[in-house]
Structures are given as structure tokens and as C-alpha cells.
């Protein structure tokens, strides 16, 4: 039960951090975050195919991809790009 709660929390809570952000600036960085998430999804699909690792438990909506990809990673990428847009050195330090 605790595992499911933790998985759902990593899926939902990061999206709540996007609410106070300026929507027009979020729209500017959204494609980059989507691209990064697509690449990570591809890596998870390859990992499943070639058995690089196994996912023991997952939320109901996702099959072989952890909730980290569409929750924490996606929202975290948007937040990092939101605050480092047009500040290359700050982005390099954050990265």
C-alpha cells in the first residue's frame, strides 16, 4: 500500500508545482520537456525489450514505465527549463 502511495505521489505532486508558473513561459519549454520524456520513454521500452531491468510494481495506468517519467521527470524538466530559459550558464550549473 505504501509503495502505491509513493508511486502516485511521484506522479501527481510534481504537476502541482506547475500551477503557480506563468503559462506562456511554460508553453515555451513544454516541447523540450516532451522531447526529453519521449526519449526516456524510448529508453524504458528498450530496457523492457532487452531486459536491462525489471519494474516490480507500478501504478495502474502505466505498463512498464515508472511514474517517475511522466511525473517527476516531466514536471522537473519544465521547472528547470522555466527558470533557466535564456540563462545558459545557470542551466549548465543546474544540469
PDB file of N, CA and C in Angstrom:
ATOM      1  N   UNK A   1       0.819  -1.195   0.000  1.00  0.00           N
ATOM      2  CA  UNK A   1       0.000   0.000   0.000  1.00  0.00           C
ATOM      3  C   UNK A   1       0.866   1.263   0.000  1.00  0.00           C
ATOM      4  N   UNK A   2       1.946   1.244   0.807  1.00  0.00           N
ATOM      5  CA  UNK A   2       2.826   2.406   0.861  1.00  0.00           C
ATOM      6  C   UNK A   2       3.526   2.623  -0.476  1.00  0.00           C
ATOM      7  N   UNK A   3       3.874   1.528  -1.160  1.00  0.00           N
ATOM      8  CA  UNK A   3       4.524   1.650  -2.465  1.00  0.00           C
ATOM      9  C   UNK A   3       3.612   2.345  -3.472  1.00  0.00           C
ATOM     10  N   UNK A   4       2.345   1.967  -3.502  1.00  0.00           N
ATOM     11  CA  UNK A   4       1.393   2.602  -4.408  1.00  0.00           C
ATOM     12  C   UNK A   4       1.218   4.081  -4.075  1.00  0.00           C
ATOM     13  N   UNK A   5       1.167   4.389  -2.796  1.00  0.00           N
ATOM     14  CA  UNK A   5       1.045   5.781  -2.373  1.00  0.00           C
ATOM     15  C   UNK A   5       2.258   6.589  -2.829  1.00  0.00           C
ATOM     16  N   UNK A   6       3.435   6.028  -2.697  1.00  0.00           N
ATOM     17  CA  UNK A   6       4.656   6.703  -3.120  1.00  0.00           C
ATOM     18  C   UNK A   6       4.695   6.867  -4.641  1.00  0.00           C
ATOM     19  N   UNK A   7       4.283   5.852  -5.372  1.00  0.00           N
ATOM     20  CA  UNK A   7       4.257   5.941  -6.831  1.00  0.00           C
ATOM     21  C   UNK A   7       3.262   6.998  -7.309  1.00  0.00           C
ATOM     22  N   UNK A   8       2.080   7.030  -6.716  1.00  0.00           N
ATOM     23  CA  UNK A   8       1.089   8.044  -7.094  1.00  0.00           C
ATOM     24  C   UNK A   8       1.568   9.439  -6.703  1.00  0.00           C
ATOM     25  N   UNK A   9       2.279   9.550  -5.580  1.00  0.00           N
ATOM     26  CA  UNK A   9       2.793  10.856  -5.152  1.00  0.00           C
ATOM     27  C   UNK A   9       3.839  11.373  -6.136  1.00  0.00           C
ATOM     28  N   UNK A  10       4.733  10.490  -6.631  1.00  0.00           N
ATOM     29  CA  UNK A  10       5.727  10.940  -7.608  1.00  0.00           C
ATOM     30  C   UNK A  10       5.100  11.223  -8.964  1.00  0.00           C
ATOM     31  N   UNK A  11       3.892  10.770  -9.160  1.00  0.00           N
ATOM     32  CA  UNK A  11       3.182  11.029 -10.416  1.00  0.00           C
ATOM     33  C   UNK A  11       2.379  12.329 -10.359  1.00  0.00           C
ATOM     34  N   UNK A  12       1.765  12.636  -9.219  1.00  0.00           N
ATOM     35  CA  UNK A  12       0.822  13.766  -9.133  1.00  0.00           C
ATOM     36  C   UNK A  12       1.434  15.023  -8.530  1.00  0.00           C
ATOM     37  N   UNK A  13       2.184  14.901  -7.454  1.00  0.00           N
ATOM     38  CA  UNK A  13       2.677  16.079  -6.727  1.00  0.00           C
ATOM     39  C   UNK A  13       3.535  17.002  -7.589  1.00  0.00           C
ATOM     40  N   UNK A  14       4.433  16.492  -8.442  1.00  0.00           N
ATOM     41  CA  UNK A  14       5.208  17.435  -9.274  1.00  0.00           C
ATOM     42  C   UNK A  14       4.353  18.283 -10.205  1.00  0.00           C
ATOM     43  N   UNK A  15       3.215  17.771 -10.648  1.00  0.00           N
ATOM     44  CA  UNK A  15       2.334  18.556 -11.504  1.00  0.00           C
ATOM     45  C   UNK A  15       1.725  19.728 -10.746  1.00  0.00           C
ATOM     46  N   UNK A  16       1.559  19.580  -9.445  1.00  0.00           N
ATOM     47  CA  UNK A  16       1.013  20.681  -8.651  1.00  0.00           C
ATOM     48  C   UNK A  16       1.987  21.845  -8.549  1.00  0.00           C
ATOM     49  N   UNK A  17       3.277  21.559  -8.697  1.00  0.00           N
ATOM     50  CA  UNK A  17       4.282  22.621  -8.654  1.00  0.00           C
ATOM     51  C   UNK A  17       4.217  23.510  -9.887  1.00  0.00           C
ATOM     52  N   UNK A  18       3.560  23.062 -10.947  1.00  0.00           N
ATOM     53  CA  UNK A  18       3.462  23.857 -12.172  1.00  0.00           C
ATOM     54  C   UNK A  18       2.333  24.877 -12.129  1.00  0.00           C
ATOM     55  N   UNK A  19       1.434  24.770 -11.182  1.00  0.00           N
ATOM     56  CA  UNK A  19       0.264  25.645 -11.128  1.00  0.00           C
ATOM     57  C   UNK A  19       0.637  27.128 -10.995  1.00  0.00           C
ATOM     58  N   UNK A  20       1.562  27.518 -10.095  1.00  0.00           N
ATOM     59  CA  UNK A  20       1.826  28.959  -9.971  1.00  0.00           C
ATOM     60  C   UNK A  20       2.698  29.550 -11.079  1.00  0.00           C
ATOM     61  N   UNK A  21       3.211  28.742 -11.994  1.00  0.00           N
ATOM     62  CA  UNK A  21       4.093  29.254 -13.041  1.00  0.00           C
ATOM     63  C   UNK A  21       3.301  29.963 -14.139  1.00  0.00           C
ATOM     64  N   UNK A  22       3.972  30.890 -14.807  1.00  0.00           N
ATOM     65  CA  UNK A  22       3.382  31.639 -15.908  1.00  0.00           C
ATOM     66  C   UNK A  22       3.124  30.689 -17.079  1.00  0.00           C
ATOM     67  N   UNK A  23       1.893  30.626 -17.538  1.00  0.00           N
ATOM     68  CA  UNK A  23       1.503  29.645 -18.549  1.00  0.00           C
ATOM     69  C   UNK A  23       2.155  29.884 -19.905  1.00  0.00           C
ATOM     70  N   UNK A  24       2.398  31.135 -20.265  1.00  0.00           N
ATOM     71  CA  UNK A  24       3.033  31.387 -21.566  1.00  0.00           C
ATOM     72  C   UNK A  24       4.488  30.930 -21.557  1.00  0.00           C
ATOM     73  N   UNK A  25       5.178  31.098 -20.452  1.00  0.00           N
ATOM     74  CA  UNK A  25       6.560  30.622 -20.365  1.00  0.00           C
ATOM     75  C   UNK A  25       6.614  29.103 -20.295  1.00  0.00           C
ATOM     76  N   UNK A  26       5.619  28.499 -19.646  1.00  0.00           N
ATOM     77  CA  UNK A  26       5.562  27.035 -19.600  1.00  0.00           C
ATOM     78  C   UNK A  26       5.339  26.481 -21.000  1.00  0.00           C
ATOM     79  N   UNK A  27       4.523  27.167 -21.789  1.00  0.00           N
ATOM     80  CA  UNK A  27       4.272  26.718 -23.165  1.00  0.00           C
ATOM     81  C   UNK A  27       5.535  26.777 -24.016  1.00  0.00           C
ATOM     82  N   UNK A  28       6.457  27.681 -23.694  1.00  0.00           N
ATOM     83  CA  UNK A  28       7.706  27.769 -24.446  1.00  0.00           C
ATOM     84  C   UNK A  28       8.619  26.571 -24.178  1.00  0.00           C
ATOM     85  N   UNK A  29       8.642  26.081 -22.956  1.00  0.00           N
ATOM     86  CA  UNK A  29       9.556  24.993 -22.598  1.00  0.00           C
ATOM     87  C   UNK A  29       8.881  23.624 -22.662  1.00  0.00           C
ATOM     88  N   UNK A  30       7.582  23.594 -22.869  1.00  0.00           N
ATOM     89  CA  UNK A  30       6.843  22.333 -22.904  1.00  0.00           C
ATOM     90  C   UNK A  30       7.346  21.372 -23.984  1.00  0.00           C
ATOM     91  N   UNK A  31       7.607  21.835 -25.220  1.00  0.00           N
ATOM     92  CA  UNK A  31       8.095  20.886 -26.231  1.00  0.00           C
ATOM     93  C   UNK A  31       9.423  20.234 -25.864  1.00  0.00           C
ATOM     94  N   UNK A  32      10.322  20.975 -25.231  1.00  0.00           N
ATOM     95  CA  UNK A  32      11.605  20.398 -24.829  1.00  0.00           C
ATOM     96  C   UNK A  32      11.412  19.337 -23.755  1.00  0.00           C
ATOM     97  N   UNK A  33      10.519  19.601 -22.817  1.00  0.00           N
ATOM     98  CA  UNK A  33      10.224  18.613 -21.773  1.00  0.00           C
ATOM     99  C   UNK A  33       9.548  17.389 -22.375  1.00  0.00           C
ATOM    100  N   UNK A  34       8.689  17.604 -23.345  1.00  0.00           N
ATOM    101  CA  UNK A  34       8.023  16.493 -24.014  1.00  0.00           C
ATOM    102  C   UNK A  34       9.025  15.640 -24.783  1.00  0.00           C
ATOM    103  N   UNK A  35       9.971  16.275 -25.426  1.00  0.00           N
ATOM    104  CA  UNK A  35      11.005  15.552 -26.157  1.00  0.00           C
ATOM    105  C   UNK A  35      11.859  14.706 -25.203  1.00  0.00           C
ATOM    106  N   UNK A  36      12.268  15.294 -24.090  1.00  0.00           N
ATOM    107  CA  UNK A  36      13.042  14.538 -23.103  1.00  0.00           C
ATOM    108  C   UNK A  36      12.270  13.366 -22.542  1.00  0.00           C
ATOM    109  N   UNK A  37      11.002  13.553 -22.309  1.00  0.00           N
ATOM    110  CA  UNK A  37      10.154  12.466 -21.800  1.00  0.00           C
ATOM    111  C   UNK A  37       9.975  11.385 -22.854  1.00  0.00           C
ATOM    112  N   UNK A  38       9.856  11.787 -24.105  1.00  0.00           N
ATOM    113  CA  UNK A  38       9.746  10.810 -25.184  1.00  0.00           C
ATOM    114  C   UNK A  38      11.018   9.956 -25.285  1.00  0.00           C
ATOM    115  N   UNK A  39      12.167  10.588 -25.170  1.00  0.00           N
ATOM    116  CA  UNK A  39      13.433   9.846 -25.204  1.00  0.00           C
ATOM    117  C   UNK A  39      13.518   8.886 -24.028  1.00  0.00           C
ATOM    118  N   UNK A  40      13.145   9.336 -22.841  1.00  0.00           N
ATOM    119  CA  UNK A  40      13.190   8.463 -21.665  1.00  0.00           C
ATOM    120  C   UNK A  40      12.180   7.327 -21.783  1.00  0.00           C
ATOM    121  N   UNK A  41      11.033   7.587 -22.375  1.00  0.00           N
ATOM    122  CA  UNK A  41      10.058   6.521 -22.623  1.00  0.00           C
ATOM    123  C   UNK A  41      10.639   5.481 -23.569  1.00  0.00           C
ATOM    124  N   UNK A  42      11.343   5.956 -24.600  1.00  0.00           N
ATOM    125  CA  UNK A  42      12.004   5.047 -25.528  1.00  0.00           C
ATOM    126  C   UNK A  42      13.046   4.187 -24.810  1.00  0.00           C
ATOM    127  N   UNK A  43      13.798   4.789 -23.905  1.00  0.00           N
ATOM    128  CA  UNK A  43      14.790   4.030 -23.128  1.00  0.00           C
ATOM    129  C   UNK A  43      14.103   2.970 -22.271  1.00  0.00           C
ATOM    130  N   UNK A  44      12.987   3.312 -21.658  1.00  0.00           N
ATOM    131  CA  UNK A  44      12.263   2.338 -20.847  1.00  0.00           C
ATOM    132  C   UNK A  44      11.712   1.205 -21.697  1.00  0.00           C
ATOM    133  N   UNK A  45      11.257   1.515 -22.911  1.00  0.00           N
ATOM    134  CA  UNK A  45      10.768   0.465 -23.804  1.00  0.00           C
ATOM    135  C   UNK A  45      11.902  -0.469 -24.218  1.00  0.00           C
ATOM    136  N   UNK A  46      13.067   0.094 -24.506  1.00  0.00           N
ATOM    137  CA  UNK A  46      14.222  -0.739 -24.850  1.00  0.00           C
ATOM    138  C   UNK A  46      14.657  -1.573 -23.655  1.00  0.00           C
ATOM    139  N   UNK A  47      14.615  -0.984 -22.475  1.00  0.00           N
ATOM    140  CA  UNK A  47      15.006  -1.716 -21.276  1.00  0.00           C
ATOM    141  C   UNK A  47      14.070  -2.889 -21.030  1.00  0.00           C
ATOM    142  N   UNK A  48      12.808  -2.715 -21.320  1.00  0.00           N
ATOM    143  CA  UNK A  48      11.858  -3.810 -21.172  1.00  0.00           C
ATOM    144  C   UNK A  48      12.122  -4.901 -22.208  1.00  0.00           C
ATOM    145  N   UNK A  49      12.399  -4.487 -23.416  1.00  0.00           N
ATOM    146  CA  UNK A  49      12.635  -5.453 -24.505  1.00  0.00           C
ATOM    147  C   UNK A  49      13.906  -6.257 -24.288  1.00  0.00           C
ATOM    148  N   UNK A  50      14.992  -5.584 -23.885  1.00  0.00           N
ATOM    149  CA  UNK A  50      16.279  -6.247 -23.711  1.00  0.00           C
ATOM    150  C   UNK A  50      16.546  -6.683 -22.277  1.00  0.00           C
ATOM    151  N   UNK A  51      15.555  -6.507 -21.416  1.00  0.00           N
ATOM    152  CA  UNK A  51      15.607  -6.923 -20.008  1.00  0.00           C
ATOM    153  C   UNK A  51      16.809  -6.327 -19.275  1.00  0.00           C
ATOM    154  N   UNK A  52      16.992  -5.011 -19.442  1.00  0.00           N
ATOM    155  CA  UNK A  52      18.046  -4.325 -18.720  1.00  0.00           C
ATOM    156  C   UNK A  52      17.699  -4.223 -17.238  1.00  0.00           C
ATOM    157  N   UNK A  53      16.434  -4.026 -16.947  1.00  0.00           N
ATOM    158  CA  UNK A  53      15.945  -4.025 -15.569  1.00  0.00           C
ATOM    159  C   UNK A  53      14.488  -4.425 -15.569  1.00  0.00           C
ATOM    160  N   UNK A  54      13.989  -4.710 -14.392  1.00  0.00           N
ATOM    161  CA  UNK A  54      12.575  -5.075 -14.238  1.00  0.00           C
ATOM    162  C   UNK A  54      11.907  -4.069 -13.322  1.00  0.00           C
ATOM    163  N   UNK A  55      10.660  -3.776 -13.617  1.00  0.00           N
ATOM    164  CA  UNK A  55       9.866  -2.915 -12.753  1.00  0.00           C
ATOM    165  C   UNK A  55       8.930  -3.832 -11.980  1.00  0.00           C
ATOM    166  N   UNK A  56       9.130  -3.886 -10.687  1.00  0.00           N
ATOM    167  CA  UNK A  56       8.380  -4.809  -9.839  1.00  0.00           C
ATOM    168  C   UNK A  56       6.942  -4.349  -9.616  1.00  0.00           C
ATOM    169  N   UNK A  57       6.777  -3.063  -9.364  1.00  0.00           N
ATOM    170  CA  UNK A  57       5.444  -2.543  -9.048  1.00  0.00           C
ATOM    171  C   UNK A  57       5.248  -1.215  -9.750  1.00  0.00           C
ATOM    172  N   UNK A  58       4.047  -1.000 -10.215  1.00  0.00           N
ATOM    173  CA  UNK A  58       3.763   0.210 -10.971  1.00  0.00           C
ATOM    174  C   UNK A  58       2.332   0.646 -10.718  1.00  0.00           C
ATOM    175  N   UNK A  59       2.016   1.881 -11.121  1.00  0.00           N
ATOM    176  CA  UNK A  59       0.626   2.316 -10.995  1.00  0.00           C
ATOM    177  C   UNK A  59      -0.174   1.715 -12.138  1.00  0.00           C
ATOM    178  N   UNK A  60      -1.453   1.750 -12.022  1.00  0.00           N
ATOM    179  CA  UNK A  60      -2.343   1.052 -12.942  1.00  0.00           C
ATOM    180  C   UNK A  60      -2.232   1.578 -14.368  1.00  0.00           C
ATOM    181  N   UNK A  61      -2.057   2.868 -14.542  1.00  0.00           N
ATOM    182  CA  UNK A  61      -2.080   3.471 -15.876  1.00  0.00           C
ATOM    183  C   UNK A  61      -0.869   3.129 -16.733  1.00  0.00           C
ATOM    184  N   UNK A  62       0.263   2.860 -16.109  1.00  0.00           N
ATOM    185  CA  UNK A  62       1.498   2.643 -16.855  1.00  0.00           C
ATOM    186  C   UNK A  62       1.863   1.170 -16.832  1.00  0.00           C
ATOM    187  N   UNK A  63       2.355   0.653 -17.946  1.00  0.00           N
ATOM    188  CA  UNK A  63       2.666  -0.772 -18.015  1.00  0.00           C
ATOM    189  C   UNK A  63       4.086  -1.071 -17.570  1.00  0.00           C
ATOM    190  N   UNK A  64       5.074  -0.629 -18.308  1.00  0.00           N
ATOM    191  CA  UNK A  64       6.456  -0.940 -17.965  1.00  0.00           C
ATOM    192  C   UNK A  64       7.294   0.322 -17.784  1.00  0.00           C
ATOM    193  N   UNK A  65       6.650   1.431 -17.528  1.00  0.00           N
ATOM    194  CA  UNK A  65       7.336   2.697 -17.310  1.00  0.00           C
ATOM    195  C   UNK A  65       6.971   3.186 -15.918  1.00  0.00           C
ATOM    196  N   UNK A  66       7.961   3.594 -15.160  1.00  0.00           N
ATOM    197  CA  UNK A  66       7.663   4.053 -13.807  1.00  0.00           C
ATOM    198  C   UNK A  66       6.945   5.393 -13.837  1.00  0.00           C
ATOM    199  N   UNK A  67       6.306   5.735 -12.753  1.00  0.00           N
ATOM    200  CA  UNK A  67       5.596   7.013 -12.662  1.00  0.00           C
ATOM    201  C   UNK A  67       6.568   8.190 -12.629  1.00  0.00           C
ATOM    202  N   UNK A  68       7.840   7.911 -12.389  1.00  0.00           N
ATOM    203  CA  UNK A  68       8.874   8.944 -12.383  1.00  0.00           C
ATOM    204  C   UNK A  68       8.942   9.671 -13.725  1.00  0.00           C
ATOM    205  N   UNK A  69       8.789   8.947 -14.819  1.00  0.00           N
ATOM    206  CA  UNK A  69       8.964   9.526 -16.158  1.00  0.00           C
ATOM    207  C   UNK A  69       7.915  10.593 -16.440  1.00  0.00           C
ATOM    208  N   UNK A  70       6.649  10.281 -16.206  1.00  0.00           N
ATOM    209  CA  UNK A  70       5.577  11.209 -16.546  1.00  0.00           C
ATOM    210  C   UNK A  70       5.198  12.128 -15.389  1.00  0.00           C
ATOM    211  N   UNK A  71       5.793  11.945 -14.264  1.00  0.00           N
ATOM    212  CA  UNK A  71       5.523  12.804 -13.121  1.00  0.00           C
ATOM    213  C   UNK A  71       6.717  13.684 -12.812  1.00  0.00           C
ATOM    214  N   UNK A  72       7.631  13.149 -12.039  1.00  0.00           N
ATOM    215  CA  UNK A  72       8.761  13.920 -11.540  1.00  0.00           C
ATOM    216  C   UNK A  72       9.699  14.378 -12.652  1.00  0.00           C
ATOM    217  N   UNK A  73      10.022  13.520 -13.598  1.00  0.00           N
ATOM    218  CA  UNK A  73      10.944  13.908 -14.671  1.00  0.00           C
ATOM    219  C   UNK A  73      10.335  14.981 -15.565  1.00  0.00           C
ATOM    220  N   UNK A  74       9.106  14.776 -16.013  1.00  0.00           N
ATOM    221  CA  UNK A  74       8.466  15.724 -16.929  1.00  0.00           C
ATOM    222  C   UNK A  74       8.279  17.089 -16.271  1.00  0.00           C
ATOM    223  N   UNK A  75       7.699  17.102 -15.095  1.00  0.00           N
ATOM    224  CA  UNK A  75       7.471  18.379 -14.403  1.00  0.00           C
ATOM    225  C   UNK A  75       8.797  19.014 -13.980  1.00  0.00           C
ATOM    226  N   UNK A  76       9.756  18.195 -13.553  1.00  0.00           N
ATOM    227  CA  UNK A  76      11.061  18.726 -13.170  1.00  0.00           C
ATOM    228  C   UNK A  76      11.785  19.352 -14.343  1.00  0.00           C
ATOM    229  N   UNK A  77      11.670  18.753 -15.506  1.00  0.00           N
ATOM    230  CA  UNK A  77      12.276  19.328 -16.707  1.00  0.00           C
ATOM    231  C   UNK A  77      11.637  20.663 -17.046  1.00  0.00           C
ATOM    232  N   UNK A  78      10.332  20.747 -16.938  1.00  0.00           N
ATOM    233  CA  UNK A  78       9.645  22.021 -17.202  1.00  0.00           C
ATOM    234  C   UNK A  78      10.104  23.081 -16.209  1.00  0.00           C
ATOM    235  N   UNK A  79      10.215  22.733 -14.939  1.00  0.00           N
ATOM    236  CA  UNK A  79      10.623  23.709 -13.922  1.00  0.00           C
ATOM    237  C   UNK A  79      12.056  24.179 -14.150  1.00  0.00           C
ATOM    238  N   UNK A  80      12.957  23.239 -14.448  1.00  0.00           N
ATOM    239  CA  UNK A  80      14.354  23.627 -14.675  1.00  0.00           C
ATOM    240  C   UNK A  80      14.482  24.506 -15.903  1.00  0.00           C
ATOM    241  N   UNK A  81      13.826  24.130 -16.995  1.00  0.00           N
ATOM    242  CA  UNK A  81      13.898  24.954 -18.198  1.00  0.00           C
ATOM    243  C   UNK A  81      13.174  26.286 -18.027  1.00  0.00           C
ATOM    244  N   UNK A  82      12.134  26.312 -17.231  1.00  0.00           N
ATOM    245  CA  UNK A  82      11.393  27.548 -16.960  1.00  0.00           C
ATOM    246  C   UNK A  82      12.302  28.589 -16.301  1.00  0.00           C
ATOM    247  N   UNK A  83      13.065  28.145 -15.311  1.00  0.00           N
ATOM    248  CA  UNK A  83      13.893  29.097 -14.567  1.00  0.00           C
ATOM    249  C   UNK A  83      15.246  29.348 -15.209  1.00  0.00           C
ATOM    250  N   UNK A  84      15.674  28.527 -16.160  1.00  0.00           N
ATOM    251  CA  UNK A  84      16.978  28.736 -16.780  1.00  0.00           C
ATOM    252  C   UNK A  84      16.872  29.150 -18.245  1.00  0.00           C
ATOM    253  N   UNK A  85      15.667  29.455 -18.724  1.00  0.00           N
ATOM    254  CA  UNK A  85      15.482  29.886 -20.106  1.00  0.00           C
ATOM    255  C   UNK A  85      16.211  31.201 -20.328  1.00  0.00           C
ATOM    256  N   UNK A  86      17.061  31.267 -21.361  1.00  0.00           N
ATOM    257  CA  UNK A  86      17.889  32.423 -21.698  1.00  0.00           C
ATOM    258  C   UNK A  86      19.026  32.657 -20.689  1.00  0.00           C
ATOM    259  N   UNK A  87      19.329  31.683 -19.865  1.00  0.00           N
ATOM    260  CA  UNK A  87      20.453  31.776 -18.925  1.00  0.00           C
ATOM    261  C   UNK A  87      21.269  30.509 -19.065  1.00  0.00           C
ATOM    262  N   UNK A  88      22.115  30.461 -20.087  1.00  0.00           N
ATOM    263  CA  UNK A  88      22.837  29.237 -20.433  1.00  0.00           C
ATOM    264  C   UNK A  88      23.730  28.749 -19.296  1.00  0.00           C
ATOM    265  N   UNK A  89      24.476  29.641 -18.675  1.00  0.00           N
ATOM    266  CA  UNK A  89      25.407  29.205 -17.622  1.00  0.00           C
ATOM    267  C   UNK A  89      24.661  28.701 -16.398  1.00  0.00           C
ATOM    268  N   UNK A  90      23.556  29.290 -16.076  1.00  0.00           N
ATOM    269  CA  UNK A  90      22.744  28.785 -14.977  1.00  0.00           C
ATOM    270  C   UNK A  90      22.213  27.385 -15.294  1.00  0.00           C
ATOM    271  N   UNK A  91      21.823  27.191 -16.558  1.00  0.00           N
ATOM    272  CA  UNK A  91      21.373  25.867 -16.987  1.00  0.00           C
ATOM    273  C   UNK A  91      22.498  24.856 -16.872  1.00  0.00           C
ATOM    274  N   UNK A  92      23.692  25.216 -17.289  1.00  0.00           N
ATOM    275  CA  UNK A  92      24.830  24.289 -17.208  1.00  0.00           C
ATOM    276  C   UNK A  92      25.164  23.950 -15.765  1.00  0.00           C
ATOM    277  N   UNK A  93      25.053  24.895 -14.880  1.00  0.00           N
ATOM    278  CA  UNK A  93      25.301  24.622 -13.451  1.00  0.00           C
ATOM    279  C   UNK A  93      24.220  23.714 -12.889  1.00  0.00           C
ATOM    280  N   UNK A  94      22.973  23.967 -13.246  1.00  0.00           N
ATOM    281  CA  UNK A  94      21.861  23.130 -12.771  1.00  0.00           C
ATOM    282  C   UNK A  94      21.951  21.731 -13.333  1.00  0.00           C
ATOM    283  N   UNK A  95      22.395  21.615 -14.566  1.00  0.00           N
ATOM    284  CA  UNK A  95      22.471  20.326 -15.216  1.00  0.00           C
ATOM    285  C   UNK A  95      23.621  19.532 -14.650  1.00  0.00           C
TER     286      UNK A  95
END
